[in-house]
C-alpha atoms as a PDB file:
ATOM      1  CA  MET A   1      30.717  30.637 -24.951  1.00  0.00           C
ATOM      2  CA  SER A   2      28.897  33.282 -22.928  1.00  0.00           C
ATOM      3  CA  SER A   3      25.123  33.415 -22.574  1.00  0.00           C
ATOM      4  CA  GLY A   4      25.148  36.670 -24.532  1.00  0.00           C
ATOM      5  CA  LYS A   5      26.887  35.048 -27.484  1.00  0.00           C
ATOM      6  CA  LEU A   6      24.548  32.039 -27.334  1.00  0.00           C
ATOM      7  CA  THR A   7      21.590  34.420 -27.324  1.00  0.00           C
ATOM      8  CA  PHE A   8      23.063  36.234 -30.340  1.00  0.00           C
ATOM      9  CA  LEU A   9      23.341  32.873 -32.122  1.00  0.00           C
ATOM     10  CA  LEU A  10      19.969  31.350 -31.145  1.00  0.00           C
ATOM     11  CA  GLN A  11      17.545  34.296 -30.917  1.00  0.00           C
ATOM     12  CA  PRO A  12      17.344  34.923 -34.696  1.00  0.00           C
ATOM     13  CA  LEU A  13      16.744  31.216 -35.333  1.00  0.00           C
ATOM     14  CA  VAL A  14      13.896  31.043 -32.791  1.00  0.00           C
ATOM     15  CA  GLU A  15      12.303  34.243 -34.100  1.00  0.00           C
ATOM     16  CA  ASP A  16      12.629  33.092 -37.730  1.00  0.00           C
ATOM     17  CA  LEU A  17      10.626  30.016 -36.719  1.00  0.00           C
ATOM     18  CA  GLY A  18       7.840  32.322 -35.484  1.00  0.00           C
ATOM     19  CA  TYR A  19       8.408  32.173 -31.724  1.00  0.00           C
ATOM     20  CA  GLU A  20       9.323  34.706 -29.075  1.00  0.00           C
ATOM     21  CA  PHE A  21      12.813  34.064 -27.731  1.00  0.00           C
ATOM     22  CA  VAL A  22      12.291  34.545 -23.987  1.00  0.00           C
ATOM     23  CA  GLY A  23      15.869  33.718 -23.023  1.00  0.00           C
ATOM     24  CA  LEU A  24      18.213  30.895 -22.136  1.00  0.00           C
ATOM     25  CA  GLU A  25      19.777  29.382 -19.054  1.00  0.00           C
ATOM     26  CA  ARG A  26      22.890  27.284 -18.670  1.00  0.00           C
ATOM     27  CA  SER A  27      23.350  24.920 -15.762  1.00  0.00           C
ATOM     28  CA  SER A  28      26.516  25.427 -13.769  1.00  0.00           C
ATOM     29  CA  ASN A  29      27.092  21.732 -13.067  1.00  0.00           C
ATOM     30  CA  PRO A  30      29.888  20.624 -15.436  1.00  0.00           C
ATOM     31  CA  LYS A  31      28.968  16.927 -14.999  1.00  0.00           C
ATOM     32  CA  ASN A  32      25.385  17.548 -16.128  1.00  0.00           C
ATOM     33  CA  LEU A  33      25.618  20.597 -18.375  1.00  0.00           C
ATOM     34  CA  ALA A  34      22.276  21.723 -19.790  1.00  0.00           C
ATOM     35  CA  LEU A  35      21.234  24.547 -22.076  1.00  0.00           C
ATOM     36  CA  VAL A  36      17.567  25.516 -21.707  1.00  0.00           C
ATOM     37  CA  ILE A  37      15.964  27.732 -24.364  1.00  0.00           C
ATOM     38  CA  TYR A  38      12.663  29.363 -23.374  1.00  0.00           C
ATOM     39  CA  ILE A  39      10.192  30.134 -26.168  1.00  0.00           C
ATOM     40  CA  ASP A  40       6.671  31.532 -26.230  1.00  0.00           C
ATOM     41  CA  THR A  41       3.785  32.630 -28.451  1.00  0.00           C
ATOM     42  CA  PRO A  42       0.604  34.562 -27.644  1.00  0.00           C
ATOM     43  CA  ASP A  43      -1.271  31.228 -27.901  1.00  0.00           C
ATOM     44  CA  GLY A  44       1.149  29.318 -25.671  1.00  0.00           C
ATOM     45  CA  ILE A  45       3.558  26.518 -26.471  1.00  0.00           C
ATOM     46  CA  ALA A  46       2.856  22.880 -27.327  1.00  0.00           C
ATOM     47  CA  VAL A  47       5.249  19.945 -27.244  1.00  0.00           C
ATOM     48  CA  GLU A  48       5.450  20.078 -31.048  1.00  0.00           C
ATOM     49  CA  ASP A  49       6.718  23.674 -30.846  1.00  0.00           C
ATOM     50  CA  CYS A  50       9.497  22.624 -28.472  1.00  0.00           C
ATOM     51  CA  GLU A  51      10.411  19.687 -30.727  1.00  0.00           C
ATOM     52  CA  ARG A  52      10.583  21.944 -33.791  1.00  0.00           C
ATOM     53  CA  VAL A  53      12.828  24.509 -32.124  1.00  0.00           C
ATOM     54  CA  SER A  54      14.943  21.766 -30.535  1.00  0.00           C
ATOM     55  CA  ARG A  55      15.643  20.123 -33.926  1.00  0.00           C
ATOM     56  CA  GLU A  56      16.638  23.428 -35.546  1.00  0.00           C
ATOM     57  CA  ALA A  57      18.668  24.662 -32.565  1.00  0.00           C
ATOM     58  CA  ALA A  58      20.495  21.320 -32.275  1.00  0.00           C
ATOM     59  CA  ALA A  59      21.434  21.483 -35.963  1.00  0.00           C
ATOM     60  CA  LEU A  60      22.736  25.046 -35.597  1.00  0.00           C
ATOM     61  CA  LEU A  61      24.647  24.205 -32.415  1.00  0.00           C
ATOM     62  CA  ASP A  62      26.187  21.145 -34.098  1.00  0.00           C
ATOM     63  CA  VAL A  63      27.476  23.330 -36.944  1.00  0.00           C
ATOM     64  CA  GLU A  64      28.643  26.274 -34.819  1.00  0.00           C
ATOM     65  CA  ASP A  65      29.860  24.102 -31.894  1.00  0.00           C
ATOM     66  CA  PRO A  66      29.796  26.961 -29.343  1.00  0.00           C
ATOM     67  CA  ILE A  67      29.776  24.734 -26.239  1.00  0.00           C
ATOM     68  CA  PRO A  68      32.746  22.434 -25.636  1.00  0.00           C
ATOM     69  CA  GLY A  69      32.005  18.902 -24.496  1.00  0.00           C
ATOM     70  CA  GLN A  70      28.668  17.233 -23.947  1.00  0.00           C
ATOM     71  CA  TYR A  71      25.508  18.998 -22.834  1.00  0.00           C
ATOM     72  CA  ARG A  72      21.765  18.435 -22.838  1.00  0.00           C
ATOM     73  CA  LEU A  73      19.600  20.771 -24.945  1.00  0.00           C
ATOM     74  CA  GLU A  74      16.121  21.547 -23.639  1.00  0.00           C
ATOM     75  CA  VAL A  75      13.455  23.774 -25.180  1.00  0.00           C
ATOM     76  CA  SER A  76      10.631  24.844 -22.913  1.00  0.00           C
ATOM     77  CA  SER A  77       7.754  27.238 -22.465  1.00  0.00           C
ATOM     78  CA  PRO A  78       8.416  29.845 -19.773  1.00  0.00           C
ATOM     79  CA  GLY A  79       5.658  28.384 -17.575  1.00  0.00           C
ATOM     80  CA  LEU A  80       3.771  30.098 -14.770  1.00  0.00           C
ATOM     81  CA  ASP A  81       7.001  30.911 -12.929  1.00  0.00           C
ATOM     82  CA  ARG A  82       8.327  32.638 -16.031  1.00  0.00           C
ATOM     83  CA  PRO A  83      12.015  33.562 -16.009  1.00  0.00           C
ATOM     84  CA  LEU A  84      12.811  37.208 -16.711  1.00  0.00           C
ATOM     85  CA  PHE A  85      15.976  38.150 -18.574  1.00  0.00           C
ATOM     86  CA  THR A  86      15.575  41.687 -19.966  1.00  0.00           C
ATOM     87  CA  LEU A  87      14.341  45.081 -18.774  1.00  0.00           C
ATOM     88  CA  GLU A  88      11.521  44.820 -21.316  1.00  0.00           C
ATOM     89  CA  GLN A  89      10.376  41.562 -19.726  1.00  0.00           C
ATOM     90  CA  PHE A  90      10.421  43.107 -16.244  1.00  0.00           C
ATOM     91  CA  GLY A  91       8.421  46.026 -17.692  1.00  0.00           C
ATOM     92  CA  GLN A  92       5.798  43.620 -19.082  1.00  0.00           C
ATOM     93  CA  PHE A  93       5.104  42.298 -15.599  1.00  0.00           C
ATOM     94  CA  ILE A  94       4.902  45.461 -13.499  1.00  0.00           C
ATOM     95  CA  GLY A  95       2.761  44.742 -10.447  1.00  0.00           C
ATOM     96  CA  GLU A  96       3.627  41.026 -10.427  1.00  0.00           C
ATOM     97  CA  LEU A  97       5.563  39.274  -7.683  1.00  0.00           C
ATOM     98  CA  VAL A  98       9.132  38.319  -8.607  1.00  0.00           C
ATOM     99  CA  GLN A  99      11.899  36.350  -6.920  1.00  0.00           C
ATOM    100  CA  ILE A 100      15.413  37.555  -7.727  1.00  0.00           C
ATOM    101  CA  SER A 101      18.868  36.143  -6.957  1.00  0.00           C
ATOM    102  CA  LEU A 102      21.955  38.300  -7.418  1.00  0.00           C
ATOM    103  CA  TYR A 103      25.459  37.244  -8.421  1.00  0.00           C
ATOM    104  CA  ALA A 104      26.872  39.033  -5.348  1.00  0.00           C
ATOM    105  CA  PRO A 105      25.244  40.439  -2.196  1.00  0.00           C
ATOM    106  CA  GLN A 106      23.747  43.919  -2.212  1.00  0.00           C
ATOM    107  CA  ASN A 107      23.308  45.454   1.240  1.00  0.00           C
ATOM    108  CA  GLY A 108      24.092  42.060   2.764  1.00  0.00           C
ATOM    109  CA  ARG A 109      21.597  39.968   0.789  1.00  0.00           C
ATOM    110  CA  ARG A 110      21.518  38.038  -2.472  1.00  0.00           C
ATOM    111  CA  LYS A 111      17.827  37.046  -2.593  1.00  0.00           C
ATOM    112  CA  PHE A 112      14.940  39.433  -3.055  1.00  0.00           C
ATOM    113  CA  LYS A 113      11.201  38.936  -3.414  1.00  0.00           C
ATOM    114  CA  GLY A 114       8.695  41.675  -4.134  1.00  0.00           C
ATOM    115  CA  LYS A 115       6.351  43.330  -6.604  1.00  0.00           C
ATOM    116  CA  ILE A 116       7.901  44.788  -9.726  1.00  0.00           C
ATOM    117  CA  LEU A 117       7.448  48.567  -9.589  1.00  0.00           C
ATOM    118  CA  GLY A 118       9.161  49.394 -12.874  1.00  0.00           C
ATOM    119  CA  THR A 119      12.441  49.725 -14.728  1.00  0.00           C
ATOM    120  CA  ASP A 120      14.739  52.674 -15.259  1.00  0.00           C
ATOM    121  CA  GLU A 121      18.040  52.937 -17.135  1.00  0.00           C
ATOM    122  CA  GLY A 122      19.315  49.401 -16.591  1.00  0.00           C
ATOM    123  CA  GLN A 123      17.669  49.092 -13.179  1.00  0.00           C
ATOM    124  CA  VAL A 124      14.772  46.996 -11.888  1.00  0.00           C
ATOM    125  CA  LEU A 125      12.673  48.528  -9.111  1.00  0.00           C
ATOM    126  CA  ILE A 126      10.844  46.219  -6.711  1.00  0.00           C
ATOM    127  CA  ASP A 127       8.896  46.636  -3.483  1.00  0.00           C
ATOM    128  CA  GLN A 128      10.864  44.513  -1.008  1.00  0.00           C
ATOM    129  CA  ASP A 129       8.834  44.347   2.232  1.00  0.00           C
ATOM    130  CA  GLY A 130       7.491  47.882   1.780  1.00  0.00           C
ATOM    131  CA  VAL A 131      10.859  49.342   0.779  1.00  0.00           C
ATOM    132  CA  GLU A 132      11.575  50.395  -2.808  1.00  0.00           C
ATOM    133  CA  THR A 133      14.705  48.496  -3.832  1.00  0.00           C
ATOM    134  CA  THR A 134      16.734  49.140  -6.978  1.00  0.00           C
ATOM    135  CA  LEU A 135      18.690  46.301  -8.561  1.00  0.00           C
ATOM    136  CA  ALA A 136      20.974  46.707 -11.561  1.00  0.00           C
ATOM    137  CA  LEU A 137      20.016  44.258 -14.316  1.00  0.00           C
ATOM    138  CA  GLU A 138      23.623  43.116 -14.787  1.00  0.00           C
ATOM    139  CA  THR A 139      23.776  42.065 -11.107  1.00  0.00           C
ATOM    140  CA  ILE A 140      20.758  39.744 -11.443  1.00  0.00           C
ATOM    141  CA  ALA A 141      21.735  36.079 -11.755  1.00  0.00           C
ATOM    142  CA  LYS A 142      18.145  34.738 -11.896  1.00  0.00           C
ATOM    143  CA  ALA A 143      14.676  36.218 -11.816  1.00  0.00           C
ATOM    144  CA  ARG A 144      11.355  34.378 -11.925  1.00  0.00           C
ATOM    145  CA  LEU A 145       7.758  35.397 -11.507  1.00  0.00           C
ATOM    146  CA  VAL A 146       6.049  33.992  -8.420  1.00  0.00           C
ATOM    147  CA  PRO A 147       2.624  32.746  -9.511  1.00  0.00           C
ATOM    148  CA  ASP A 148      -0.404  33.316  -7.280  1.00  0.00           C
ATOM    149  CA  TYR A 149      -1.556  29.698  -7.310  1.00  0.00           C
ATOM    150  CA  ASP A 150      -4.512  30.465  -5.023  1.00  0.00           C
ATOM    151  CA  SER A 151      -6.067  32.765  -7.612  1.00  0.00           C
ATOM    152  CA  ILE A 152      -5.041  30.564 -10.561  1.00  0.00           C
ATOM    153  CA  PHE A 153      -6.684  27.474  -9.121  1.00  0.00           C
ATOM    154  CA  ALA A 154      -9.531  29.200  -7.273  1.00  0.00           C
ATOM    155  CA  VAL A 155     -12.701  27.116  -7.314  1.00  0.00           C
ATOM    156  CA  GLY A 156     -15.505  28.606  -9.353  1.00  0.00           C
ATOM    157  CA  SER A 157     -13.344  30.929 -11.443  1.00  0.00           C
END
């Protein structure tokens, strides 16, 4: 089952439980298949939140059986290096540093790192080494924020 169909199945469940459905990732290793569901709330996520969503999602996935074979289900907070899945999520983090991998090369490269400048009609705009670069959302395989650990862990803050 595609990630889009899994999202369609799991997002309402997560939201009905009172959490933000950030997105999901599937590992590509068939010997160690994993499905990771990212959830969030304005107050953050505790282990109990992950356990609650994991129980409910596992029950739904057992009934619907959308993934053939065995897999590991994980429920996680997005963390400091938050994954980005939608244009709205990119829009939330304008001005933040992001690392992006594409499914296929664009202008000879698959990996990009720069500040998010904005979004426009299915496109993500980033500042890649001083050059405004436009990436179509559907070409993005993975995107994660790059935390500024120096400022996060600065002494005396």
